Amino acid sequence: MKEWMNVLENEEQFYELTQENKTTVFVFSAEWCPDCVYIKPFLPELIEKYSQFIFVYVDRDAYIDLCIDHEIMGIPSFVVYKQGKEIGRFVSKLRKTKEQIDDFLSSMLEK
């Protein structure tokens, strides 16, 4: 999954990216997560479709404190920031379909 998007390198970078003028989608995930593996085949298509967004892979295991601070209790989860404000989140422990993720990202176009 991380081969198609930027990979978070440190917590400082996370907070810098939240300030971007451009919409930034943080994708919280882990290599061992079956639901994350499930979205892997169709995620590149969605990343291409929403190329106006910056997509950033956040390894849940490497950034567990960041996940706790942002109440990321299940993965994969999507948290969206623009100009220092969280404008949307699709966070749950349930498996996410392509249509659900597409609908969520589409709703972020209007914000």
PDB file of N, CA and C in Angstrom:
ATOM      1  N   MET A   1       0.823  -1.193   0.000  1.00  0.00           N
ATOM      2  CA  MET A   1       0.000   0.000   0.000  1.00  0.00           C
ATOM      3  C   MET A   1       0.865   1.254   0.000  1.00  0.00           C
ATOM      4  N   LYS A   2       1.913   1.227   0.791  1.00  0.00           N
ATOM      5  CA  LYS A   2       2.732   2.435   0.902  1.00  0.00           C
ATOM      6  C   LYS A   2       3.529   2.737  -0.365  1.00  0.00           C
ATOM      7  N   GLU A   3       3.557   1.787  -1.316  1.00  0.00           N
ATOM      8  CA  GLU A   3       4.281   2.045  -2.563  1.00  0.00           C
ATOM      9  C   GLU A   3       3.552   3.043  -3.452  1.00  0.00           C
ATOM     10  N   TRP A   4       2.279   3.365  -3.145  1.00  0.00           N
ATOM     11  CA  TRP A   4       1.509   4.286  -3.988  1.00  0.00           C
ATOM     12  C   TRP A   4       1.335   5.658  -3.370  1.00  0.00           C
ATOM     13  N   MET A   5       1.891   5.881  -2.208  1.00  0.00           N
ATOM     14  CA  MET A   5       1.693   7.179  -1.553  1.00  0.00           C
ATOM     15  C   MET A   5       2.920   7.540  -0.736  1.00  0.00           C
ATOM     16  N   ASN A   6       2.942   8.766  -0.251  1.00  0.00           N
ATOM     17  CA  ASN A   6       4.012   9.195   0.641  1.00  0.00           C
ATOM     18  C   ASN A   6       3.926   8.386   1.929  1.00  0.00           C
ATOM     19  N   VAL A   7       5.060   8.177   2.563  1.00  0.00           N
ATOM     20  CA  VAL A   7       5.097   7.450   3.833  1.00  0.00           C
ATOM     21  C   VAL A   7       5.522   8.424   4.922  1.00  0.00           C
ATOM     22  N   LEU A   8       4.751   8.478   5.997  1.00  0.00           N
ATOM     23  CA  LEU A   8       5.088   9.365   7.106  1.00  0.00           C
ATOM     24  C   LEU A   8       6.437   8.966   7.692  1.00  0.00           C
ATOM     25  N   GLU A   9       7.328   9.953   7.848  1.00  0.00           N
ATOM     26  CA  GLU A   9       8.676   9.689   8.334  1.00  0.00           C
ATOM     27  C   GLU A   9       8.848   9.997   9.812  1.00  0.00           C
ATOM     28  N   ASN A  10       8.047  10.927  10.351  1.00  0.00           N
ATOM     29  CA  ASN A  10       8.116  11.254  11.778  1.00  0.00           C
ATOM     30  C   ASN A  10       6.882  12.060  12.178  1.00  0.00           C
ATOM     31  N   GLU A  11       6.654  12.183  13.477  1.00  0.00           N
ATOM     32  CA  GLU A  11       5.466  12.894  13.960  1.00  0.00           C
ATOM     33  C   GLU A  11       5.476  14.367  13.569  1.00  0.00           C
ATOM     34  N   GLU A  12       6.651  14.979  13.536  1.00  0.00           N
ATOM     35  CA  GLU A  12       6.739  16.384  13.147  1.00  0.00           C
ATOM     36  C   GLU A  12       6.208  16.572  11.727  1.00  0.00           C
ATOM     37  N   GLN A  13       6.537  15.633  10.847  1.00  0.00           N
ATOM     38  CA  GLN A  13       6.058  15.696   9.470  1.00  0.00           C
ATOM     39  C   GLN A  13       4.528  15.611   9.437  1.00  0.00           C
ATOM     40  N   PHE A  14       3.938  14.791  10.283  1.00  0.00           N
ATOM     41  CA  PHE A  14       2.483  14.700  10.353  1.00  0.00           C
ATOM     42  C   PHE A  14       1.880  16.073  10.615  1.00  0.00           C
ATOM     43  N   TYR A  15       2.389  16.753  11.640  1.00  0.00           N
ATOM     44  CA  TYR A  15       1.829  18.054  12.005  1.00  0.00           C
ATOM     45  C   TYR A  15       2.105  19.121  10.941  1.00  0.00           C
ATOM     46  N   GLU A  16       3.241  19.005  10.258  1.00  0.00           N
ATOM     47  CA  GLU A  16       3.523  19.919   9.144  1.00  0.00           C
ATOM     48  C   GLU A  16       2.531  19.698   7.999  1.00  0.00           C
ATOM     49  N   LEU A  17       2.280  18.430   7.687  1.00  0.00           N
ATOM     50  CA  LEU A  17       1.372  18.110   6.586  1.00  0.00           C
ATOM     51  C   LEU A  17      -0.068  18.513   6.881  1.00  0.00           C
ATOM     52  N   THR A  18      -0.452  18.524   8.147  1.00  0.00           N
ATOM     53  CA  THR A  18      -1.820  18.943   8.485  1.00  0.00           C
ATOM     54  C   THR A  18      -2.042  20.410   8.145  1.00  0.00           C
ATOM     55  N   GLN A  19      -0.977  21.178   8.042  1.00  0.00           N
ATOM     56  CA  GLN A  19      -1.072  22.615   7.765  1.00  0.00           C
ATOM     57  C   GLN A  19      -1.119  22.951   6.277  1.00  0.00           C
ATOM     58  N   GLU A  20      -0.943  21.951   5.431  1.00  0.00           N
ATOM     59  CA  GLU A  20      -0.892  22.189   3.985  1.00  0.00           C
ATOM     60  C   GLU A  20      -2.159  22.872   3.477  1.00  0.00           C
ATOM     61  N   ASN A  21      -1.989  23.668   2.434  1.00  0.00           N
ATOM     62  CA  ASN A  21      -3.116  24.291   1.740  1.00  0.00           C
ATOM     63  C   ASN A  21      -3.905  23.243   0.972  1.00  0.00           C
ATOM     64  N   LYS A  22      -3.198  22.215   0.549  1.00  0.00           N
ATOM     65  CA  LYS A  22      -3.785  21.121  -0.207  1.00  0.00           C
ATOM     66  C   LYS A  22      -4.396  20.115   0.777  1.00  0.00           C
ATOM     67  N   THR A  23      -5.449  19.443   0.378  1.00  0.00           N
ATOM     68  CA  THR A  23      -6.093  18.435   1.217  1.00  0.00           C
ATOM     69  C   THR A  23      -5.169  17.233   1.366  1.00  0.00           C
ATOM     70  N   THR A  24      -4.914  16.841   2.615  1.00  0.00           N
ATOM     71  CA  THR A  24      -4.027  15.714   2.907  1.00  0.00           C
ATOM     72  C   THR A  24      -4.828  14.599   3.547  1.00  0.00           C
ATOM     73  N   VAL A  25      -4.756  13.412   2.939  1.00  0.00           N
ATOM     74  CA  VAL A  25      -5.451  12.227   3.428  1.00  0.00           C
ATOM     75  C   VAL A  25      -4.426  11.315   4.086  1.00  0.00           C
ATOM     76  N   PHE A  26      -4.555  11.148   5.400  1.00  0.00           N
ATOM     77  CA  PHE A  26      -3.684  10.235   6.133  1.00  0.00           C
ATOM     78  C   PHE A  26      -4.360   8.869   6.178  1.00  0.00           C
ATOM     79  N   VAL A  27      -3.662   7.850   5.668  1.00  0.00           N
ATOM     80  CA  VAL A  27      -4.190   6.492   5.632  1.00  0.00           C
ATOM     81  C   VAL A  27      -3.455   5.695   6.711  1.00  0.00           C
ATOM     82  N   PHE A  28      -4.150   5.444   7.813  1.00  0.00           N
ATOM     83  CA  PHE A  28      -3.586   4.677   8.920  1.00  0.00           C
ATOM     84  C   PHE A  28      -3.774   3.200   8.609  1.00  0.00           C
ATOM     85  N   SER A  29      -2.670   2.448   8.667  1.00  0.00           N
ATOM     86  CA  SER A  29      -2.709   1.073   8.215  1.00  0.00           C
ATOM     87  C   SER A  29      -1.588   0.270   8.884  1.00  0.00           C
ATOM     88  N   ALA A  30      -1.510  -1.003   8.545  1.00  0.00           N
ATOM     89  CA  ALA A  30      -0.416  -1.872   8.998  1.00  0.00           C
ATOM     90  C   ALA A  30      -0.307  -3.043   8.030  1.00  0.00           C
ATOM     91  N   GLU A  31       0.880  -3.544   7.873  1.00  0.00           N
ATOM     92  CA  GLU A  31       1.137  -4.640   6.941  1.00  0.00           C
ATOM     93  C   GLU A  31       0.381  -5.913   7.329  1.00  0.00           C
ATOM     94  N   TRP A  32       0.188  -6.148   8.613  1.00  0.00           N
ATOM     95  CA  TRP A  32      -0.423  -7.385   9.103  1.00  0.00           C
ATOM     96  C   TRP A  32      -1.948  -7.360   9.094  1.00  0.00           C
ATOM     97  N   CYS A  33      -2.531  -6.216   8.815  1.00  0.00           N
ATOM     98  CA  CYS A  33      -3.978  -6.001   8.940  1.00  0.00           C
ATOM     99  C   CYS A  33      -4.738  -6.606   7.745  1.00  0.00           C
ATOM    100  N   PRO A  34      -5.618  -7.600   7.966  1.00  0.00           N
ATOM    101  CA  PRO A  34      -6.350  -8.218   6.848  1.00  0.00           C
ATOM    102  C   PRO A  34      -7.263  -7.237   6.109  1.00  0.00           C
ATOM    103  N   ASP A  35      -7.888  -6.305   6.819  1.00  0.00           N
ATOM    104  CA  ASP A  35      -8.756  -5.340   6.156  1.00  0.00           C
ATOM    105  C   ASP A  35      -7.963  -4.330   5.332  1.00  0.00           C
ATOM    106  N   CYS A  36      -6.718  -4.082   5.741  1.00  0.00           N
ATOM    107  CA  CYS A  36      -5.830  -3.210   4.965  1.00  0.00           C
ATOM    108  C   CYS A  36      -5.396  -3.914   3.681  1.00  0.00           C
ATOM    109  N   VAL A  37      -5.132  -5.201   3.783  1.00  0.00           N
ATOM    110  CA  VAL A  37      -4.774  -5.996   2.611  1.00  0.00           C
ATOM    111  C   VAL A  37      -5.956  -6.038   1.643  1.00  0.00           C
ATOM    112  N   TYR A  38      -7.174  -6.076   2.173  1.00  0.00           N
ATOM    113  CA  TYR A  38      -8.383  -6.128   1.355  1.00  0.00           C
ATOM    114  C   TYR A  38      -8.505  -4.901   0.443  1.00  0.00           C
ATOM    115  N   ILE A  39      -8.144  -3.707   0.940  1.00  0.00           N
ATOM    116  CA  ILE A  39      -8.293  -2.485   0.138  1.00  0.00           C
ATOM    117  C   ILE A  39      -7.120  -2.261  -0.821  1.00  0.00           C
ATOM    118  N   LYS A  40      -6.051  -3.013  -0.633  1.00  0.00           N
ATOM    119  CA  LYS A  40      -4.830  -2.816  -1.418  1.00  0.00           C
ATOM    120  C   LYS A  40      -5.043  -2.883  -2.940  1.00  0.00           C
ATOM    121  N   PRO A  41      -5.836  -3.825  -3.465  1.00  0.00           N
ATOM    122  CA  PRO A  41      -5.991  -3.902  -4.928  1.00  0.00           C
ATOM    123  C   PRO A  41      -6.667  -2.683  -5.562  1.00  0.00           C
ATOM    124  N   PHE A  42      -7.588  -2.047  -4.876  1.00  0.00           N
ATOM    125  CA  PHE A  42      -8.308  -0.932  -5.493  1.00  0.00           C
ATOM    126  C   PHE A  42      -7.858   0.441  -5.009  1.00  0.00           C
ATOM    127  N   LEU A  43      -6.990   0.503  -4.025  1.00  0.00           N
ATOM    128  CA  LEU A  43      -6.546   1.802  -3.516  1.00  0.00           C
ATOM    129  C   LEU A  43      -5.783   2.631  -4.554  1.00  0.00           C
ATOM    130  N   PRO A  44      -4.912   2.034  -5.384  1.00  0.00           N
ATOM    131  CA  PRO A  44      -4.211   2.852  -6.394  1.00  0.00           C
ATOM    132  C   PRO A  44      -5.170   3.584  -7.337  1.00  0.00           C
ATOM    133  N   GLU A  45      -6.258   2.932  -7.696  1.00  0.00           N
ATOM    134  CA  GLU A  45      -7.247   3.562  -8.573  1.00  0.00           C
ATOM    135  C   GLU A  45      -7.874   4.787  -7.890  1.00  0.00           C
ATOM    136  N   LEU A  46      -8.166   4.669  -6.603  1.00  0.00           N
ATOM    137  CA  LEU A  46      -8.746   5.797  -5.869  1.00  0.00           C
ATOM    138  C   LEU A  46      -7.732   6.920  -5.679  1.00  0.00           C
ATOM    139  N   ILE A  47      -6.486   6.569  -5.445  1.00  0.00           N
ATOM    140  CA  ILE A  47      -5.437   7.583  -5.312  1.00  0.00           C
ATOM    141  C   ILE A  47      -5.286   8.354  -6.617  1.00  0.00           C
ATOM    142  N   GLU A  48      -5.358   7.638  -7.721  1.00  0.00           N
ATOM    143  CA  GLU A  48      -5.274   8.301  -9.031  1.00  0.00           C
ATOM    144  C   GLU A  48      -6.508   9.167  -9.279  1.00  0.00           C
ATOM    145  N   LYS A  49      -7.676   8.666  -8.932  1.00  0.00           N
ATOM    146  CA  LYS A  49      -8.919   9.411  -9.134  1.00  0.00           C
ATOM    147  C   LYS A  49      -8.921  10.718  -8.342  1.00  0.00           C
ATOM    148  N   TYR A  50      -8.352  10.681  -7.154  1.00  0.00           N
ATOM    149  CA  TYR A  50      -8.317  11.859  -6.282  1.00  0.00           C
ATOM    150  C   TYR A  50      -6.898  12.420  -6.206  1.00  0.00           C
ATOM    151  N   SER A  51      -6.312  12.619  -7.370  1.00  0.00           N
ATOM    152  CA  SER A  51      -4.919  13.067  -7.445  1.00  0.00           C
ATOM    153  C   SER A  51      -4.727  14.488  -6.911  1.00  0.00           C
ATOM    154  N   GLN A  52      -5.811  15.211  -6.695  1.00  0.00           N
ATOM    155  CA  GLN A  52      -5.690  16.558  -6.121  1.00  0.00           C
ATOM    156  C   GLN A  52      -5.386  16.502  -4.624  1.00  0.00           C
ATOM    157  N   PHE A  53      -5.496  15.328  -4.027  1.00  0.00           N
ATOM    158  CA  PHE A  53      -5.170  15.145  -2.614  1.00  0.00           C
ATOM    159  C   PHE A  53      -3.746  14.635  -2.460  1.00  0.00           C
ATOM    160  N   ILE A  54      -3.162  14.915  -1.306  1.00  0.00           N
ATOM    161  CA  ILE A  54      -1.891  14.303  -0.910  1.00  0.00           C
ATOM    162  C   ILE A  54      -2.271  13.088  -0.053  1.00  0.00           C
ATOM    163  N   PHE A  55      -1.798  11.910  -0.417  1.00  0.00           N
ATOM    164  CA  PHE A  55      -2.057  10.698   0.368  1.00  0.00           C
ATOM    165  C   PHE A  55      -0.794  10.330   1.142  1.00  0.00           C
ATOM    166  N   VAL A  56      -0.954  10.078   2.441  1.00  0.00           N
ATOM    167  CA  VAL A  56       0.179   9.764   3.305  1.00  0.00           C
ATOM    168  C   VAL A  56      -0.122   8.496   4.082  1.00  0.00           C
ATOM    169  N   TYR A  57       0.735   7.498   3.912  1.00  0.00           N
ATOM    170  CA  TYR A  57       0.620   6.237   4.644  1.00  0.00           C
ATOM    171  C   TYR A  57       1.190   6.421   6.048  1.00  0.00           C
ATOM    172  N   VAL A  58       0.395   6.043   7.060  1.00  0.00           N
ATOM    173  CA  VAL A  58       0.838   6.117   8.451  1.00  0.00           C
ATOM    174  C   VAL A  58       0.813   4.704   9.016  1.00  0.00           C
ATOM    175  N   ASP A  59       1.983   4.171   9.323  1.00  0.00           N
ATOM    176  CA  ASP A  59       2.092   2.827   9.897  1.00  0.00           C
ATOM    177  C   ASP A  59       1.608   2.860  11.344  1.00  0.00           C
ATOM    178  N   ARG A  60       0.504   2.197  11.598  1.00  0.00           N
ATOM    179  CA  ARG A  60      -0.102   2.199  12.927  1.00  0.00           C
ATOM    180  C   ARG A  60       0.869   1.733  14.004  1.00  0.00           C
ATOM    181  N   ASP A  61       1.672   0.734  13.719  1.00  0.00           N
ATOM    182  CA  ASP A  61       2.600   0.202  14.716  1.00  0.00           C
ATOM    183  C   ASP A  61       3.746   1.163  15.014  1.00  0.00           C
ATOM    184  N   ALA A  62       4.197   1.883  14.001  1.00  0.00           N
ATOM    185  CA  ALA A  62       5.296   2.830  14.193  1.00  0.00           C
ATOM    186  C   ALA A  62       4.835   4.109  14.882  1.00  0.00           C
ATOM    187  N   TYR A  63       3.546   4.428  14.725  1.00  0.00           N
ATOM    188  CA  TYR A  63       3.012   5.690  15.263  1.00  0.00           C
ATOM    189  C   TYR A  63       1.801   5.437  16.165  1.00  0.00           C
ATOM    190  N   ILE A  64       1.943   4.503  17.086  1.00  0.00           N
ATOM    191  CA  ILE A  64       0.836   4.145  17.971  1.00  0.00           C
ATOM    192  C   ILE A  64       0.397   5.332  18.831  1.00  0.00           C
ATOM    193  N   ASP A  65       1.333   6.159  19.298  1.00  0.00           N
ATOM    194  CA  ASP A  65       0.960   7.324  20.105  1.00  0.00           C
ATOM    195  C   ASP A  65       0.147   8.328  19.283  1.00  0.00           C
ATOM    196  N   LEU A  66       0.518   8.504  18.041  1.00  0.00           N
ATOM    197  CA  LEU A  66      -0.232   9.377  17.139  1.00  0.00           C
ATOM    198  C   LEU A  66      -1.653   8.829  16.945  1.00  0.00           C
ATOM    199  N   CYS A  67      -1.763   7.520  16.809  1.00  0.00           N
ATOM    200  CA  CYS A  67      -3.079   6.890  16.670  1.00  0.00           C
ATOM    201  C   CYS A  67      -3.920   7.103  17.928  1.00  0.00           C
ATOM    202  N   ILE A  68      -3.314   6.957  19.074  1.00  0.00           N
ATOM    203  CA  ILE A  68      -4.040   7.166  20.329  1.00  0.00           C
ATOM    204  C   ILE A  68      -4.490   8.623  20.426  1.00  0.00           C
ATOM    205  N   ASP A  69      -3.575   9.551  20.135  1.00  0.00           N
ATOM    206  CA  ASP A  69      -3.889  10.983  20.215  1.00  0.00           C
ATOM    207  C   ASP A  69      -5.034  11.375  19.279  1.00  0.00           C
ATOM    208  N   HIS A  70      -5.156  10.684  18.148  1.00  0.00           N
ATOM    209  CA  HIS A  70      -6.175  11.024  17.155  1.00  0.00           C
ATOM    210  C   HIS A  70      -7.334  10.016  17.137  1.00  0.00           C
ATOM    211  N   GLU A  71      -7.388   9.198  18.183  1.00  0.00           N
ATOM    212  CA  GLU A  71      -8.489   8.243  18.378  1.00  0.00           C
ATOM    213  C   GLU A  71      -8.700   7.327  17.172  1.00  0.00           C
ATOM    214  N   ILE A  72      -7.595   6.806  16.661  1.00  0.00           N
ATOM    215  CA  ILE A  72      -7.641   5.826  15.584  1.00  0.00           C
ATOM    216  C   ILE A  72      -7.672   4.454  16.248  1.00  0.00           C
ATOM    217  N   MET A  73      -8.863   3.890  16.363  1.00  0.00           N
ATOM    218  CA  MET A  73      -9.027   2.626  17.073  1.00  0.00           C
ATOM    219  C   MET A  73      -9.083   1.418  16.141  1.00  0.00           C
ATOM    220  N   GLY A  74      -9.272   1.654  14.871  1.00  0.00           N
ATOM    221  CA  GLY A  74      -9.326   0.567  13.902  1.00  0.00           C
ATOM    222  C   GLY A  74      -8.610   0.981  12.635  1.00  0.00           C
ATOM    223  N   ILE A  75      -8.152  -0.016  11.900  1.00  0.00           N
ATOM    224  CA  ILE A  75      -7.474   0.262  10.633  1.00  0.00           C
ATOM    225  C   ILE A  75      -8.035  -0.671   9.568  1.00  0.00           C
ATOM    226  N   PRO A  76      -7.994  -0.272   8.311  1.00  0.00           N
ATOM    227  CA  PRO A  76      -7.505   1.013   7.827  1.00  0.00           C
ATOM    228  C   PRO A  76      -8.465   2.141   8.192  1.00  0.00           C
ATOM    229  N   SER A  77      -7.914   3.300   8.426  1.00  0.00           N
ATOM    230  CA  SER A  77      -8.698   4.488   8.716  1.00  0.00           C
ATOM    231  C   SER A  77      -8.137   5.665   7.941  1.00  0.00           C
ATOM    232  N   PHE A  78      -9.006   6.603   7.640  1.00  0.00           N
ATOM    233  CA  PHE A  78      -8.657   7.762   6.825  1.00  0.00           C
ATOM    234  C   PHE A  78      -9.006   9.030   7.604  1.00  0.00           C
ATOM    235  N   VAL A  79      -8.012   9.910   7.766  1.00  0.00           N
ATOM    236  CA  VAL A  79      -8.231  11.190   8.429  1.00  0.00           C
ATOM    237  C   VAL A  79      -7.726  12.270   7.473  1.00  0.00           C
ATOM    238  N   VAL A  80      -8.559  13.294   7.258  1.00  0.00           N
ATOM    239  CA  VAL A  80      -8.264  14.304   6.243  1.00  0.00           C
ATOM    240  C   VAL A  80      -8.102  15.672   6.890  1.00  0.00           C
ATOM    241  N   TYR A  81      -7.008  16.340   6.507  1.00  0.00           N
ATOM    242  CA  TYR A  81      -6.712  17.686   7.013  1.00  0.00           C
ATOM    243  C   TYR A  81      -6.540  18.650   5.851  1.00  0.00           C
ATOM    244  N   LYS A  82      -6.852  19.913   6.153  1.00  0.00           N
ATOM    245  CA  LYS A  82      -6.572  21.004   5.213  1.00  0.00           C
ATOM    246  C   LYS A  82      -6.404  22.275   6.033  1.00  0.00           C
ATOM    247  N   GLN A  83      -5.329  22.962   5.805  1.00  0.00           N
ATOM    248  CA  GLN A  83      -5.035  24.242   6.460  1.00  0.00           C
ATOM    249  C   GLN A  83      -5.172  24.165   7.981  1.00  0.00           C
ATOM    250  N   GLY A  84      -4.619  23.106   8.550  1.00  0.00           N
ATOM    251  CA  GLY A  84      -4.568  22.977  10.003  1.00  0.00           C
ATOM    252  C   GLY A  84      -5.820  22.448  10.663  1.00  0.00           C
ATOM    253  N   LYS A  85      -6.840  22.123   9.869  1.00  0.00           N
ATOM    254  CA  LYS A  85      -8.093  21.641  10.445  1.00  0.00           C
ATOM    255  C   LYS A  85      -8.423  20.250   9.926  1.00  0.00           C
ATOM    256  N   GLU A  86      -8.901  19.397  10.827  1.00  0.00           N
ATOM    257  CA  GLU A  86      -9.410  18.104  10.394  1.00  0.00           C
ATOM    258  C   GLU A  86     -10.760  18.360   9.732  1.00  0.00           C
ATOM    259  N   ILE A  87     -10.882  17.955   8.466  1.00  0.00           N
ATOM    260  CA  ILE A  87     -12.124  18.207   7.736  1.00  0.00           C
ATOM    261  C   ILE A  87     -12.947  16.945   7.529  1.00  0.00           C
ATOM    262  N   GLY A  88     -12.382  15.797   7.872  1.00  0.00           N
ATOM    263  CA  GLY A  88     -13.134  14.557   7.723  1.00  0.00           C
ATOM    264  C   GLY A  88     -12.373  13.365   8.248  1.00  0.00           C
ATOM    265  N   ARG A  89     -13.150  12.333   8.600  1.00  0.00           N
ATOM    266  CA  ARG A  89     -12.534  11.086   9.034  1.00  0.00           C
ATOM    267  C   ARG A  89     -13.451   9.921   8.717  1.00  0.00           C
ATOM    268  N   PHE A  90     -12.816   8.850   8.334  1.00  0.00           N
ATOM    269  CA  PHE A  90     -13.510   7.581   8.096  1.00  0.00           C
ATOM    270  C   PHE A  90     -12.744   6.575   8.942  1.00  0.00           C
ATOM    271  N   VAL A  91     -13.137   6.524  10.207  1.00  0.00           N
ATOM    272  CA  VAL A  91     -12.411   5.735  11.201  1.00  0.00           C
ATOM    273  C   VAL A  91     -13.383   4.744  11.821  1.00  0.00           C
ATOM    274  N   SER A  92     -13.065   3.472  11.693  1.00  0.00           N
ATOM    275  CA  SER A  92     -13.847   2.428  12.348  1.00  0.00           C
ATOM    276  C   SER A  92     -13.041   1.137  12.300  1.00  0.00           C
ATOM    277  N   LYS A  93     -13.514   0.159  13.042  1.00  0.00           N
ATOM    278  CA  LYS A  93     -12.833  -1.127  13.036  1.00  0.00           C
ATOM    279  C   LYS A  93     -13.407  -2.053  11.967  1.00  0.00           C
ATOM    280  N   LEU A  94     -14.392  -1.575  11.216  1.00  0.00           N
ATOM    281  CA  LEU A  94     -15.053  -2.397  10.213  1.00  0.00           C
ATOM    282  C   LEU A  94     -14.320  -2.359   8.876  1.00  0.00           C
ATOM    283  N   ARG A  95     -14.453  -3.439   8.113  1.00  0.00           N
ATOM    284  CA  ARG A  95     -13.874  -3.488   6.771  1.00  0.00           C
ATOM    285  C   ARG A  95     -14.531  -2.419   5.912  1.00  0.00           C
ATOM    286  N   LYS A  96     -13.721  -1.765   5.074  1.00  0.00           N
ATOM    287  CA  LYS A  96     -14.214  -0.696   4.217  1.00  0.00           C
ATOM    288  C   LYS A  96     -14.196  -1.161   2.760  1.00  0.00           C
ATOM    289  N   THR A  97     -15.263  -0.875   2.041  1.00  0.00           N
ATOM    290  CA  THR A  97     -15.342  -1.254   0.636  1.00  0.00           C
ATOM    291  C   THR A  97     -14.800  -0.129  -0.239  1.00  0.00           C
ATOM    292  N   LYS A  98     -14.567  -0.454  -1.484  1.00  0.00           N
ATOM    293  CA  LYS A  98     -14.118   0.556  -2.449  1.00  0.00           C
ATOM    294  C   LYS A  98     -15.149   1.675  -2.546  1.00  0.00           C
ATOM    295  N   GLU A  99     -16.423   1.313  -2.606  1.00  0.00           N
ATOM    296  CA  GLU A  99     -17.489   2.300  -2.731  1.00  0.00           C
ATOM    297  C   GLU A  99     -17.536   3.222  -1.517  1.00  0.00           C
ATOM    298  N   GLN A 100     -17.365   2.665  -0.321  1.00  0.00           N
ATOM    299  CA  GLN A 100     -17.384   3.481   0.898  1.00  0.00           C
ATOM    300  C   GLN A 100     -16.229   4.476   0.915  1.00  0.00           C
ATOM    301  N   ILE A 101     -15.051   4.003   0.547  1.00  0.00           N
ATOM    302  CA  ILE A 101     -13.877   4.883   0.536  1.00  0.00           C
ATOM    303  C   ILE A 101     -14.049   5.949  -0.550  1.00  0.00           C
ATOM    304  N   ASP A 102     -14.531   5.538  -1.713  1.00  0.00           N
ATOM    305  CA  ASP A 102     -14.773   6.475  -2.809  1.00  0.00           C
ATOM    306  C   ASP A 102     -15.782   7.546  -2.378  1.00  0.00           C
ATOM    307  N   ASP A 103     -16.872   7.131  -1.774  1.00  0.00           N
ATOM    308  CA  ASP A 103     -17.876   8.098  -1.288  1.00  0.00           C
ATOM    309  C   ASP A 103     -17.283   9.069  -0.276  1.00  0.00           C
ATOM    310  N   PHE A 104     -16.473   8.526   0.628  1.00  0.00           N
ATOM    311  CA  PHE A 104     -15.837   9.388   1.638  1.00  0.00           C
ATOM    312  C   PHE A 104     -14.915  10.410   0.975  1.00  0.00           C
ATOM    313  N   LEU A 105     -14.045   9.940   0.085  1.00  0.00           N
ATOM    314  CA  LEU A 105     -13.104  10.861  -0.579  1.00  0.00           C
ATOM    315  C   LEU A 105     -13.844  11.879  -1.424  1.00  0.00           C
ATOM    316  N   SER A 106     -14.898  11.454  -2.072  1.00  0.00           N
ATOM    317  CA  SER A 106     -15.708  12.374  -2.871  1.00  0.00           C
ATOM    318  C   SER A 106     -16.301  13.485  -1.995  1.00  0.00           C
ATOM    319  N   SER A 107     -16.719  13.124  -0.810  1.00  0.00           N
ATOM    320  CA  SER A 107     -17.284  14.134   0.104  1.00  0.00           C
ATOM    321  C   SER A 107     -16.243  15.151   0.560  1.00  0.00           C
ATOM    322  N   MET A 108     -14.960  14.791   0.482  1.00  0.00           N
ATOM    323  CA  MET A 108     -13.886  15.701   0.882  1.00  0.00           C
ATOM    324  C   MET A 108     -13.593  16.736  -0.210  1.00  0.00           C
ATOM    325  N   LEU A 109     -14.070  16.504  -1.425  1.00  0.00           N
ATOM    326  CA  LEU A 109     -13.852  17.462  -2.512  1.00  0.00           C
ATOM    327  C   LEU A 109     -14.555  18.778  -2.246  1.00  0.00           C
ATOM    328  N   GLU A 110     -15.644  18.733  -1.532  1.00  0.00           N
ATOM    329  CA  GLU A 110     -16.450  19.913  -1.293  1.00  0.00           C
ATOM    330  C   GLU A 110     -15.987  20.736  -0.100  1.00  0.00           C
ATOM    331  N   LYS A 111     -15.005  20.254   0.616  1.00  0.00           N
ATOM    332  CA  LYS A 111     -14.575  20.950   1.846  1.00  0.00           C
ATOM    333  C   LYS A 111     -13.347  21.794   1.599  1.00  0.00           C
TER     334      LYS A 111
END
